[in-house]
Amino acid sequence: MRILLLMLWLLVPVGALAYHFGPGQAHLQMDSVAAVLKSARADVAAERWGAAQAAFEQALSQTPETETRLRQELRLEVCKAQMLNRQLPSAHDSLVGLMEEVNADPSTPEKFAQEVRAALASSQYYLTWLLRLEGQPRERWEPEIEAARQNYTLLAKQAAANGDSGSLKLRKEDLESAVRLARMDLGELQGLPLPSQ
């Protein structure tokens, strides 16, 4: 009996090592991601958009491929930071791809899909504003503002269906802004200050 207990006791370090070099590595990796995310959120709170973008990108690069939802959430955060860090075209392209992924996955939570759609609509709105200021032809900017209008309409309908009056009010205001931007004369647009995020 003593020999059996001694053998079991000697196997404990072997089990601990097996865990450490096996599943324990995934836990260490996720702990590292959590630490980087804490830093990123602090940068967002302090409105250090470049640092926040870099931290979210680092967290994304450290997140295992198997963590699909977390990777999508991090990609969304990278895009938001990019928009605030004056990298709108890059953020817009990434959001288009992310929205396609979210639409193709029926298991995506509705709240997350709405967050992605809202960010995409914002990027379309601000991109339209910039394209118009650059003097791009209507054929170039009109599809963007029309897509933003459709996204804001869908978000408003979802907010109404969910009984979320705060979101409904915000989405209606966004929709009105998109319609106004599409109808606005270029001279009138040039006289306005650039919109903030």
N, C-alpha and C. Protein backbone atom coordinates (compact mmCIF):
# COMPACT_ATOMS: atom_id res chain seq x y z
N MET A 1 0.82 -1.19 0.00
CA MET A 1 0.00 0.00 0.00
C MET A 1 0.87 1.25 0.00
N ARG A 2 1.95 1.25 0.84
CA ARG A 2 2.84 2.40 0.90
C ARG A 2 3.54 2.62 -0.44
N ILE A 3 3.89 1.57 -1.08
CA ILE A 3 4.58 1.68 -2.37
C ILE A 3 3.63 2.31 -3.40
N LEU A 4 2.38 1.90 -3.37
CA LEU A 4 1.40 2.46 -4.29
C LEU A 4 1.23 3.96 -4.05
N LEU A 5 1.11 4.36 -2.79
CA LEU A 5 0.97 5.78 -2.46
C LEU A 5 2.22 6.56 -2.86
N LEU A 6 3.39 5.97 -2.65
CA LEU A 6 4.64 6.61 -3.03
C LEU A 6 4.71 6.79 -4.55
N MET A 7 4.30 5.79 -5.27
CA MET A 7 4.29 5.87 -6.74
C MET A 7 3.33 6.97 -7.22
N LEU A 8 2.16 7.03 -6.59
CA LEU A 8 1.19 8.07 -6.95
C LEU A 8 1.76 9.46 -6.64
N TRP A 9 2.41 9.57 -5.49
CA TRP A 9 3.00 10.85 -5.10
C TRP A 9 4.10 11.26 -6.07
N LEU A 10 4.87 10.34 -6.56
CA LEU A 10 5.92 10.64 -7.52
C LEU A 10 5.38 10.99 -8.90
N LEU A 11 4.16 10.57 -9.19
CA LEU A 11 3.54 10.89 -10.48
C LEU A 11 2.92 12.29 -10.52
N VAL A 12 2.73 12.90 -9.35
CA VAL A 12 2.13 14.25 -9.30
C VAL A 12 2.95 15.26 -10.10
N PRO A 13 4.29 15.33 -9.93
CA PRO A 13 5.06 16.29 -10.73
C PRO A 13 4.98 16.01 -12.24
N VAL A 14 4.90 14.74 -12.59
CA VAL A 14 4.77 14.38 -14.02
C VAL A 14 3.45 14.93 -14.57
N GLY A 15 2.39 14.78 -13.80
CA GLY A 15 1.09 15.30 -14.22
C GLY A 15 1.09 16.82 -14.31
N ALA A 16 1.75 17.45 -13.33
CA ALA A 16 1.84 18.91 -13.34
C ALA A 16 2.61 19.40 -14.56
N LEU A 17 3.71 18.73 -14.88
CA LEU A 17 4.50 19.10 -16.07
C LEU A 17 3.70 18.87 -17.35
N ALA A 18 2.97 17.77 -17.39
CA ALA A 18 2.16 17.48 -18.58
C ALA A 18 1.10 18.57 -18.77
N TYR A 19 0.49 18.99 -17.67
CA TYR A 19 -0.51 20.06 -17.77
C TYR A 19 0.14 21.38 -18.21
N HIS A 20 1.29 21.69 -17.59
CA HIS A 20 1.97 22.96 -17.88
C HIS A 20 2.35 23.06 -19.36
N PHE A 21 2.89 21.99 -19.91
CA PHE A 21 3.33 22.03 -21.30
C PHE A 21 2.23 21.66 -22.28
N GLY A 22 1.09 21.27 -21.78
CA GLY A 22 -0.05 20.95 -22.64
C GLY A 22 -1.11 22.04 -22.57
N PRO A 23 -2.25 21.74 -21.94
CA PRO A 23 -3.34 22.72 -21.86
C PRO A 23 -2.96 23.99 -21.11
N GLY A 24 -2.00 23.91 -20.22
CA GLY A 24 -1.59 25.09 -19.46
C GLY A 24 -1.05 26.20 -20.35
N GLN A 25 -0.45 25.85 -21.48
CA GLN A 25 0.08 26.86 -22.40
C GLN A 25 -1.04 27.73 -22.97
N ALA A 26 -2.17 27.12 -23.26
CA ALA A 26 -3.32 27.89 -23.77
C ALA A 26 -3.80 28.88 -22.71
N HIS A 27 -3.80 28.44 -21.46
CA HIS A 27 -4.22 29.34 -20.37
C HIS A 27 -3.23 30.49 -20.20
N LEU A 28 -1.94 30.19 -20.31
CA LEU A 28 -0.93 31.24 -20.22
C LEU A 28 -1.09 32.24 -21.37
N GLN A 29 -1.38 31.70 -22.54
CA GLN A 29 -1.56 32.57 -23.71
C GLN A 29 -2.76 33.49 -23.51
N MET A 30 -3.86 32.96 -23.00
CA MET A 30 -5.05 33.78 -22.77
C MET A 30 -4.82 34.79 -21.64
N ASP A 31 -4.01 34.43 -20.64
CA ASP A 31 -3.65 35.40 -19.59
C ASP A 31 -2.87 36.57 -20.20
N SER A 32 -1.99 36.26 -21.14
CA SER A 32 -1.21 37.30 -21.81
C SER A 32 -2.13 38.20 -22.63
N VAL A 33 -3.10 37.61 -23.32
CA VAL A 33 -4.07 38.38 -24.10
C VAL A 33 -4.87 39.30 -23.18
N ALA A 34 -5.28 38.78 -22.03
CA ALA A 34 -6.06 39.58 -21.07
C ALA A 34 -5.26 40.79 -20.58
N ALA A 35 -3.97 40.60 -20.35
CA ALA A 35 -3.13 41.72 -19.90
C ALA A 35 -3.01 42.79 -20.98
N VAL A 36 -2.86 42.36 -22.22
CA VAL A 36 -2.76 43.32 -23.34
C VAL A 36 -4.10 44.05 -23.52
N LEU A 37 -5.21 43.32 -23.36
CA LEU A 37 -6.53 43.95 -23.48
C LEU A 37 -6.76 44.99 -22.39
N LYS A 38 -6.28 44.73 -21.21
CA LYS A 38 -6.40 45.71 -20.12
C LYS A 38 -5.68 46.99 -20.50
N SER A 39 -4.50 46.85 -21.07
CA SER A 39 -3.74 48.01 -21.53
C SER A 39 -4.48 48.74 -22.66
N ALA A 40 -5.05 47.98 -23.58
CA ALA A 40 -5.78 48.57 -24.70
C ALA A 40 -6.98 49.37 -24.21
N ARG A 41 -7.71 48.82 -23.25
CA ARG A 41 -8.89 49.52 -22.73
C ARG A 41 -8.49 50.80 -21.99
N ALA A 42 -7.34 50.77 -21.32
CA ALA A 42 -6.84 51.98 -20.67
C ALA A 42 -6.49 53.04 -21.72
N ASP A 43 -5.92 52.61 -22.83
CA ASP A 43 -5.59 53.55 -23.92
C ASP A 43 -6.86 54.14 -24.53
N VAL A 44 -7.90 53.33 -24.66
CA VAL A 44 -9.18 53.83 -25.19
C VAL A 44 -9.75 54.86 -24.23
N ALA A 45 -9.73 54.57 -22.94
CA ALA A 45 -10.26 55.50 -21.94
C ALA A 45 -9.51 56.83 -21.97
N ALA A 46 -8.21 56.78 -22.26
CA ALA A 46 -7.39 57.99 -22.32
C ALA A 46 -7.35 58.60 -23.72
N GLU A 47 -8.11 58.00 -24.64
CA GLU A 47 -8.20 58.46 -26.03
C GLU A 47 -6.84 58.50 -26.73
N ARG A 48 -6.02 57.50 -26.43
CA ARG A 48 -4.75 57.30 -27.14
C ARG A 48 -5.00 56.25 -28.22
N TRP A 49 -5.54 56.70 -29.35
CA TRP A 49 -6.05 55.78 -30.37
C TRP A 49 -4.96 54.96 -31.03
N GLY A 50 -3.81 55.53 -31.27
CA GLY A 50 -2.71 54.79 -31.88
C GLY A 50 -2.23 53.66 -30.98
N ALA A 51 -2.08 53.97 -29.69
CA ALA A 51 -1.64 52.96 -28.73
C ALA A 51 -2.72 51.89 -28.56
N ALA A 52 -3.98 52.31 -28.55
CA ALA A 52 -5.09 51.35 -28.42
C ALA A 52 -5.11 50.42 -29.62
N GLN A 53 -4.95 50.98 -30.81
CA GLN A 53 -4.94 50.15 -32.02
C GLN A 53 -3.81 49.13 -31.96
N ALA A 54 -2.62 49.57 -31.58
CA ALA A 54 -1.47 48.66 -31.50
C ALA A 54 -1.71 47.56 -30.47
N ALA A 55 -2.30 47.93 -29.34
CA ALA A 55 -2.56 46.93 -28.29
C ALA A 55 -3.61 45.92 -28.73
N PHE A 56 -4.68 46.39 -29.38
CA PHE A 56 -5.70 45.46 -29.87
C PHE A 56 -5.12 44.54 -30.94
N GLU A 57 -4.27 45.08 -31.80
CA GLU A 57 -3.63 44.25 -32.82
C GLU A 57 -2.72 43.20 -32.19
N GLN A 58 -2.01 43.59 -31.12
CA GLN A 58 -1.15 42.64 -30.42
C GLN A 58 -2.00 41.54 -29.78
N ALA A 59 -3.10 41.92 -29.14
CA ALA A 59 -3.98 40.92 -28.53
C ALA A 59 -4.53 39.98 -29.59
N LEU A 60 -4.88 40.54 -30.74
CA LEU A 60 -5.40 39.71 -31.84
C LEU A 60 -4.35 38.72 -32.32
N SER A 61 -3.12 39.17 -32.44
CA SER A 61 -2.05 38.28 -32.92
C SER A 61 -1.74 37.17 -31.91
N GLN A 62 -2.00 37.41 -30.62
CA GLN A 62 -1.72 36.41 -29.59
C GLN A 62 -2.90 35.48 -29.34
N THR A 63 -4.06 35.81 -29.87
CA THR A 63 -5.26 35.00 -29.64
C THR A 63 -5.25 33.79 -30.57
N PRO A 64 -5.47 32.59 -30.03
CA PRO A 64 -5.46 31.38 -30.87
C PRO A 64 -6.56 31.43 -31.94
N GLU A 65 -6.29 30.81 -33.06
CA GLU A 65 -7.25 30.76 -34.17
C GLU A 65 -8.56 30.10 -33.76
N THR A 66 -8.51 29.22 -32.76
CA THR A 66 -9.71 28.50 -32.33
C THR A 66 -10.70 29.41 -31.61
N GLU A 67 -10.24 30.56 -31.14
CA GLU A 67 -11.11 31.52 -30.41
C GLU A 67 -11.76 32.48 -31.42
N THR A 68 -12.63 31.93 -32.26
CA THR A 68 -13.20 32.69 -33.37
C THR A 68 -13.95 33.93 -32.93
N ARG A 69 -14.83 33.82 -31.95
CA ARG A 69 -15.63 34.97 -31.53
C ARG A 69 -14.75 36.05 -30.91
N LEU A 70 -13.81 35.66 -30.08
CA LEU A 70 -12.92 36.65 -29.47
C LEU A 70 -12.10 37.34 -30.55
N ARG A 71 -11.64 36.60 -31.54
CA ARG A 71 -10.87 37.20 -32.63
C ARG A 71 -11.73 38.21 -33.40
N GLN A 72 -13.01 37.89 -33.60
CA GLN A 72 -13.90 38.83 -34.30
C GLN A 72 -14.11 40.08 -33.46
N GLU A 73 -14.28 39.91 -32.16
CA GLU A 73 -14.46 41.07 -31.27
C GLU A 73 -13.22 41.95 -31.29
N LEU A 74 -12.05 41.33 -31.29
CA LEU A 74 -10.80 42.10 -31.33
C LEU A 74 -10.64 42.81 -32.67
N ARG A 75 -11.04 42.16 -33.75
CA ARG A 75 -10.98 42.81 -35.06
C ARG A 75 -11.88 44.04 -35.09
N LEU A 76 -13.05 43.94 -34.47
CA LEU A 76 -13.95 45.09 -34.40
C LEU A 76 -13.30 46.23 -33.61
N GLU A 77 -12.66 45.90 -32.50
CA GLU A 77 -12.00 46.93 -31.69
C GLU A 77 -10.85 47.57 -32.46
N VAL A 78 -10.11 46.77 -33.23
CA VAL A 78 -9.03 47.32 -34.06
C VAL A 78 -9.62 48.32 -35.06
N CYS A 79 -10.73 47.95 -35.69
CA CYS A 79 -11.37 48.84 -36.68
C CYS A 79 -11.84 50.14 -36.05
N LYS A 80 -12.44 50.05 -34.87
CA LYS A 80 -12.90 51.26 -34.19
C LYS A 80 -11.72 52.18 -33.87
N ALA A 81 -10.63 51.58 -33.38
CA ALA A 81 -9.45 52.38 -33.07
C ALA A 81 -8.86 52.98 -34.34
N GLN A 82 -8.88 52.23 -35.45
CA GLN A 82 -8.37 52.75 -36.71
C GLN A 82 -9.19 53.96 -37.17
N MET A 83 -10.50 53.88 -37.04
CA MET A 83 -11.34 55.01 -37.46
C MET A 83 -11.01 56.26 -36.65
N LEU A 84 -10.79 56.08 -35.38
CA LEU A 84 -10.47 57.21 -34.52
C LEU A 84 -9.01 57.66 -34.67
N ASN A 85 -8.19 56.80 -35.28
CA ASN A 85 -6.78 57.09 -35.49
C ASN A 85 -6.52 57.52 -36.95
N ARG A 86 -7.56 58.00 -37.60
CA ARG A 86 -7.47 58.54 -38.96
C ARG A 86 -7.00 57.52 -40.00
N GLN A 87 -7.49 56.31 -39.87
CA GLN A 87 -7.21 55.27 -40.85
C GLN A 87 -8.53 54.71 -41.37
N LEU A 88 -9.41 55.61 -41.76
CA LEU A 88 -10.77 55.25 -42.15
C LEU A 88 -10.83 54.25 -43.30
N PRO A 89 -10.12 54.45 -44.42
CA PRO A 89 -10.25 53.49 -45.53
C PRO A 89 -9.88 52.06 -45.13
N SER A 90 -8.82 51.91 -44.35
CA SER A 90 -8.40 50.58 -43.91
C SER A 90 -9.45 49.97 -42.97
N ALA A 91 -9.97 50.77 -42.05
CA ALA A 91 -11.00 50.29 -41.13
C ALA A 91 -12.25 49.89 -41.91
N HIS A 92 -12.62 50.70 -42.89
CA HIS A 92 -13.81 50.42 -43.68
C HIS A 92 -13.69 49.08 -44.39
N ASP A 93 -12.54 48.84 -45.04
CA ASP A 93 -12.34 47.57 -45.74
C ASP A 93 -12.41 46.38 -44.78
N SER A 94 -11.80 46.52 -43.62
CA SER A 94 -11.83 45.44 -42.62
C SER A 94 -13.24 45.19 -42.11
N LEU A 95 -14.00 46.27 -41.91
CA LEU A 95 -15.38 46.12 -41.43
C LEU A 95 -16.28 45.44 -42.46
N VAL A 96 -16.04 45.73 -43.73
CA VAL A 96 -16.82 45.05 -44.79
C VAL A 96 -16.59 43.55 -44.71
N GLY A 97 -15.32 43.13 -44.58
CA GLY A 97 -15.01 41.71 -44.46
C GLY A 97 -15.59 41.08 -43.21
N LEU A 98 -15.49 41.80 -42.08
CA LEU A 98 -16.02 41.28 -40.83
C LEU A 98 -17.54 41.14 -40.89
N MET A 99 -18.22 42.10 -41.52
CA MET A 99 -19.68 42.03 -41.64
C MET A 99 -20.08 40.82 -42.48
N GLU A 100 -19.32 40.53 -43.53
CA GLU A 100 -19.61 39.35 -44.36
C GLU A 100 -19.49 38.07 -43.54
N GLU A 101 -18.44 37.99 -42.71
CA GLU A 101 -18.25 36.82 -41.85
C GLU A 101 -19.41 36.67 -40.87
N VAL A 102 -19.78 37.78 -40.25
CA VAL A 102 -20.85 37.76 -39.25
C VAL A 102 -22.18 37.35 -39.89
N ASN A 103 -22.46 37.87 -41.07
CA ASN A 103 -23.70 37.51 -41.77
C ASN A 103 -23.73 36.04 -42.17
N ALA A 104 -22.55 35.47 -42.47
CA ALA A 104 -22.48 34.08 -42.91
C ALA A 104 -22.57 33.10 -41.75
N ASP A 105 -22.40 33.57 -40.52
CA ASP A 105 -22.39 32.69 -39.35
C ASP A 105 -23.69 32.84 -38.57
N PRO A 106 -24.60 31.87 -38.67
CA PRO A 106 -25.89 31.99 -37.97
C PRO A 106 -25.77 31.96 -36.45
N SER A 107 -24.62 31.51 -35.93
CA SER A 107 -24.46 31.44 -34.47
C SER A 107 -23.99 32.76 -33.86
N THR A 108 -23.77 33.78 -34.70
CA THR A 108 -23.31 35.07 -34.20
C THR A 108 -24.39 35.70 -33.33
N PRO A 109 -24.04 36.14 -32.12
CA PRO A 109 -25.03 36.81 -31.27
C PRO A 109 -25.55 38.09 -31.94
N GLU A 110 -26.82 38.35 -31.81
CA GLU A 110 -27.44 39.51 -32.45
C GLU A 110 -26.79 40.82 -32.01
N LYS A 111 -26.48 40.93 -30.74
CA LYS A 111 -25.88 42.17 -30.22
C LYS A 111 -24.54 42.45 -30.89
N PHE A 112 -23.72 41.42 -31.08
CA PHE A 112 -22.43 41.62 -31.73
C PHE A 112 -22.62 41.99 -33.20
N ALA A 113 -23.55 41.32 -33.86
CA ALA A 113 -23.82 41.64 -35.27
C ALA A 113 -24.26 43.10 -35.41
N GLN A 114 -25.06 43.58 -34.46
CA GLN A 114 -25.49 44.97 -34.48
C GLN A 114 -24.32 45.93 -34.26
N GLU A 115 -23.40 45.56 -33.38
CA GLU A 115 -22.20 46.39 -33.15
C GLU A 115 -21.38 46.52 -34.42
N VAL A 116 -21.19 45.39 -35.11
CA VAL A 116 -20.41 45.41 -36.35
C VAL A 116 -21.13 46.25 -37.40
N ARG A 117 -22.44 46.07 -37.51
CA ARG A 117 -23.22 46.82 -38.50
C ARG A 117 -23.17 48.32 -38.20
N ALA A 118 -23.26 48.70 -36.93
CA ALA A 118 -23.20 50.12 -36.56
C ALA A 118 -21.84 50.71 -36.90
N ALA A 119 -20.76 49.97 -36.63
CA ALA A 119 -19.42 50.46 -36.96
C ALA A 119 -19.25 50.58 -38.47
N LEU A 120 -19.77 49.60 -39.20
CA LEU A 120 -19.69 49.65 -40.67
C LEU A 120 -20.47 50.85 -41.20
N ALA A 121 -21.67 51.07 -40.69
CA ALA A 121 -22.48 52.21 -41.14
C ALA A 121 -21.77 53.53 -40.85
N SER A 122 -21.14 53.63 -39.69
CA SER A 122 -20.38 54.85 -39.37
C SER A 122 -19.23 55.04 -40.35
N SER A 123 -18.53 53.96 -40.65
CA SER A 123 -17.41 54.08 -41.59
C SER A 123 -17.91 54.49 -42.97
N GLN A 124 -19.06 53.98 -43.38
CA GLN A 124 -19.63 54.36 -44.68
C GLN A 124 -20.03 55.83 -44.69
N TYR A 125 -20.59 56.29 -43.59
CA TYR A 125 -21.01 57.69 -43.48
C TYR A 125 -19.79 58.61 -43.58
N TYR A 126 -18.76 58.34 -42.76
CA TYR A 126 -17.58 59.21 -42.75
C TYR A 126 -16.80 59.11 -44.06
N LEU A 127 -16.79 57.93 -44.66
CA LEU A 127 -16.11 57.77 -45.95
C LEU A 127 -16.82 58.59 -47.03
N THR A 128 -18.14 58.60 -46.99
CA THR A 128 -18.90 59.41 -47.94
C THR A 128 -18.55 60.88 -47.77
N TRP A 129 -18.50 61.32 -46.52
CA TRP A 129 -18.17 62.72 -46.23
C TRP A 129 -16.82 63.07 -46.86
N LEU A 130 -15.82 62.21 -46.64
CA LEU A 130 -14.48 62.47 -47.18
C LEU A 130 -14.46 62.42 -48.70
N LEU A 131 -15.16 61.44 -49.28
CA LEU A 131 -15.20 61.34 -50.75
C LEU A 131 -15.84 62.57 -51.37
N ARG A 132 -16.87 63.08 -50.73
CA ARG A 132 -17.52 64.28 -51.25
C ARG A 132 -16.60 65.48 -51.15
N LEU A 133 -15.89 65.61 -50.03
CA LEU A 133 -14.96 66.72 -49.87
C LEU A 133 -13.81 66.65 -50.88
N GLU A 134 -13.42 65.43 -51.26
CA GLU A 134 -12.37 65.25 -52.26
C GLU A 134 -12.86 65.57 -53.67
N GLY A 135 -14.17 65.78 -53.81
CA GLY A 135 -14.73 66.09 -55.13
C GLY A 135 -14.97 64.87 -55.99
N GLN A 136 -15.09 63.71 -55.37
CA GLN A 136 -15.36 62.48 -56.12
C GLN A 136 -16.74 62.55 -56.76
N PRO A 137 -16.93 61.90 -57.91
CA PRO A 137 -18.23 61.93 -58.57
C PRO A 137 -19.29 61.18 -57.77
N ARG A 138 -20.52 61.53 -58.03
CA ARG A 138 -21.65 60.93 -57.31
C ARG A 138 -21.64 59.41 -57.40
N GLU A 139 -21.22 58.88 -58.54
CA GLU A 139 -21.21 57.42 -58.72
C GLU A 139 -20.26 56.74 -57.73
N ARG A 140 -19.27 57.46 -57.26
CA ARG A 140 -18.29 56.89 -56.32
C ARG A 140 -18.79 56.93 -54.88
N TRP A 141 -19.43 58.02 -54.45
CA TRP A 141 -19.82 58.13 -53.05
C TRP A 141 -21.25 57.70 -52.77
N GLU A 142 -22.11 57.74 -53.77
CA GLU A 142 -23.52 57.42 -53.51
C GLU A 142 -23.75 55.99 -53.00
N PRO A 143 -23.06 54.97 -53.56
CA PRO A 143 -23.27 53.62 -53.00
C PRO A 143 -22.90 53.52 -51.51
N GLU A 144 -21.90 54.27 -51.09
CA GLU A 144 -21.49 54.22 -49.68
C GLU A 144 -22.56 54.82 -48.77
N ILE A 145 -23.09 55.97 -49.14
CA ILE A 145 -24.09 56.60 -48.27
C ILE A 145 -25.41 55.83 -48.32
N GLU A 146 -25.70 55.21 -49.45
CA GLU A 146 -26.92 54.40 -49.54
C GLU A 146 -26.78 53.16 -48.65
N ALA A 147 -25.60 52.56 -48.65
CA ALA A 147 -25.36 51.40 -47.77
C ALA A 147 -25.46 51.82 -46.31
N ALA A 148 -24.91 52.98 -45.97
CA ALA A 148 -25.01 53.49 -44.59
C ALA A 148 -26.48 53.70 -44.22
N ARG A 149 -27.25 54.30 -45.13
CA ARG A 149 -28.67 54.54 -44.87
C ARG A 149 -29.40 53.22 -44.62
N GLN A 150 -29.12 52.22 -45.44
CA GLN A 150 -29.77 50.92 -45.26
C GLN A 150 -29.38 50.26 -43.94
N ASN A 151 -28.10 50.37 -43.58
CA ASN A 151 -27.65 49.80 -42.31
C ASN A 151 -28.29 50.51 -41.12
N TYR A 152 -28.37 51.83 -41.18
CA TYR A 152 -29.01 52.58 -40.09
C TYR A 152 -30.50 52.25 -40.00
N THR A 153 -31.14 52.06 -41.15
CA THR A 153 -32.56 51.69 -41.16
C THR A 153 -32.76 50.34 -40.49
N LEU A 154 -31.92 49.37 -40.86
CA LEU A 154 -32.02 48.03 -40.27
C LEU A 154 -31.76 48.08 -38.76
N LEU A 155 -30.77 48.84 -38.34
CA LEU A 155 -30.47 48.96 -36.91
C LEU A 155 -31.63 49.62 -36.16
N ALA A 156 -32.27 50.61 -36.78
CA ALA A 156 -33.43 51.27 -36.14
C ALA A 156 -34.58 50.28 -36.00
N LYS A 157 -34.82 49.47 -37.04
CA LYS A 157 -35.89 48.47 -36.96
C LYS A 157 -35.61 47.45 -35.87
N GLN A 158 -34.35 47.01 -35.76
CA GLN A 158 -34.00 46.04 -34.73
C GLN A 158 -34.15 46.64 -33.34
N ALA A 159 -33.76 47.91 -33.18
CA ALA A 159 -33.91 48.58 -31.89
C ALA A 159 -35.39 48.70 -31.52
N ALA A 160 -36.23 49.02 -32.50
CA ALA A 160 -37.67 49.13 -32.23
C ALA A 160 -38.24 47.77 -31.85
N ALA A 161 -37.81 46.72 -32.55
CA ALA A 161 -38.31 45.37 -32.25
C ALA A 161 -37.88 44.92 -30.86
N ASN A 162 -36.69 45.35 -30.43
CA ASN A 162 -36.18 44.97 -29.11
C ASN A 162 -36.67 45.90 -28.00
N GLY A 163 -37.38 46.97 -28.37
CA GLY A 163 -37.88 47.91 -27.37
C GLY A 163 -36.79 48.76 -26.75
N ASP A 164 -35.70 48.96 -27.48
CA ASP A 164 -34.57 49.75 -26.99
C ASP A 164 -34.72 51.19 -27.48
N SER A 165 -35.39 52.01 -26.68
CA SER A 165 -35.71 53.38 -27.11
C SER A 165 -34.47 54.26 -27.27
N GLY A 166 -33.44 54.03 -26.43
CA GLY A 166 -32.21 54.82 -26.54
C GLY A 166 -31.50 54.56 -27.86
N SER A 167 -31.36 53.29 -28.23
CA SER A 167 -30.73 52.95 -29.51
C SER A 167 -31.59 53.39 -30.68
N LEU A 168 -32.90 53.27 -30.53
CA LEU A 168 -33.81 53.68 -31.61
C LEU A 168 -33.64 55.17 -31.91
N LYS A 169 -33.58 55.98 -30.87
CA LYS A 169 -33.41 57.42 -31.05
C LYS A 169 -32.08 57.72 -31.75
N LEU A 170 -31.01 57.07 -31.30
CA LEU A 170 -29.69 57.27 -31.88
C LEU A 170 -29.66 56.85 -33.34
N ARG A 171 -30.24 55.71 -33.65
CA ARG A 171 -30.23 55.21 -35.04
C ARG A 171 -31.08 56.08 -35.96
N LYS A 172 -32.17 56.62 -35.44
CA LYS A 172 -32.98 57.54 -36.25
C LYS A 172 -32.20 58.82 -36.56
N GLU A 173 -31.46 59.31 -35.56
CA GLU A 173 -30.62 60.50 -35.79
C GLU A 173 -29.54 60.20 -36.81
N ASP A 174 -28.92 59.01 -36.70
CA ASP A 174 -27.89 58.60 -37.68
C ASP A 174 -28.49 58.51 -39.08
N LEU A 175 -29.68 57.96 -39.17
CA LEU A 175 -30.36 57.83 -40.46
C LEU A 175 -30.65 59.20 -41.06
N GLU A 176 -31.13 60.12 -40.25
CA GLU A 176 -31.40 61.48 -40.73
C GLU A 176 -30.11 62.16 -41.19
N SER A 177 -29.02 61.94 -40.47
CA SER A 177 -27.73 62.52 -40.87
C SER A 177 -27.27 61.96 -42.21
N ALA A 178 -27.47 60.67 -42.42
CA ALA A 178 -27.07 60.05 -43.68
C ALA A 178 -27.89 60.61 -44.84
N VAL A 179 -29.19 60.77 -44.64
CA VAL A 179 -30.05 61.33 -45.68
C VAL A 179 -29.66 62.78 -45.98
N ARG A 180 -29.41 63.54 -44.92
CA ARG A 180 -28.98 64.93 -45.09
C ARG A 180 -27.67 65.03 -45.87
N LEU A 181 -26.71 64.15 -45.55
CA LEU A 181 -25.41 64.16 -46.23
C LEU A 181 -25.58 63.86 -47.71
N ALA A 182 -26.46 62.94 -48.05
CA ALA A 182 -26.67 62.59 -49.45
C ALA A 182 -27.30 63.75 -50.22
N ARG A 183 -28.14 64.52 -49.57
CA ARG A 183 -28.86 65.61 -50.25
C ARG A 183 -28.12 66.94 -50.21
N MET A 184 -27.11 67.04 -49.37
CA MET A 184 -26.43 68.31 -49.15
C MET A 184 -25.64 68.75 -50.37
N ASP A 185 -25.70 70.04 -50.65
CA ASP A 185 -24.92 70.64 -51.72
C ASP A 185 -23.44 70.64 -51.31
N LEU A 186 -22.53 70.47 -52.27
CA LEU A 186 -21.10 70.41 -51.97
C LEU A 186 -20.60 71.69 -51.29
N GLY A 187 -21.08 72.85 -51.75
CA GLY A 187 -20.67 74.12 -51.15
C GLY A 187 -21.09 74.19 -49.68
N GLU A 188 -22.29 73.72 -49.40
CA GLU A 188 -22.80 73.70 -48.03
C GLU A 188 -21.97 72.73 -47.18
N LEU A 189 -21.61 71.60 -47.76
CA LEU A 189 -20.82 70.59 -47.07
C LEU A 189 -19.42 71.12 -46.73
N GLN A 190 -18.82 71.85 -47.66
CA GLN A 190 -17.48 72.38 -47.44
C GLN A 190 -17.47 73.44 -46.34
N GLY A 191 -18.59 74.06 -46.09
CA GLY A 191 -18.67 75.09 -45.04
C GLY A 191 -18.83 74.51 -43.65
N LEU A 192 -19.09 73.21 -43.55
CA LEU A 192 -19.30 72.57 -42.25
C LEU A 192 -17.98 72.02 -41.70
N PRO A 193 -17.83 71.97 -40.38
CA PRO A 193 -16.64 71.33 -39.81
C PRO A 193 -16.75 69.83 -40.01
N LEU A 194 -15.61 69.15 -40.06
CA LEU A 194 -15.59 67.70 -40.19
C LEU A 194 -16.32 67.08 -39.00
N PRO A 195 -17.14 66.09 -39.25
CA PRO A 195 -17.86 65.47 -38.13
C PRO A 195 -16.90 64.66 -37.25
N SER A 196 -17.22 64.58 -35.98
CA SER A 196 -16.40 63.76 -35.07
C SER A 196 -17.07 62.41 -34.92
N GLN A 197 -16.28 61.43 -34.53
CA GLN A 197 -16.81 60.07 -34.39
C GLN A 197 -17.82 60.03 -33.25
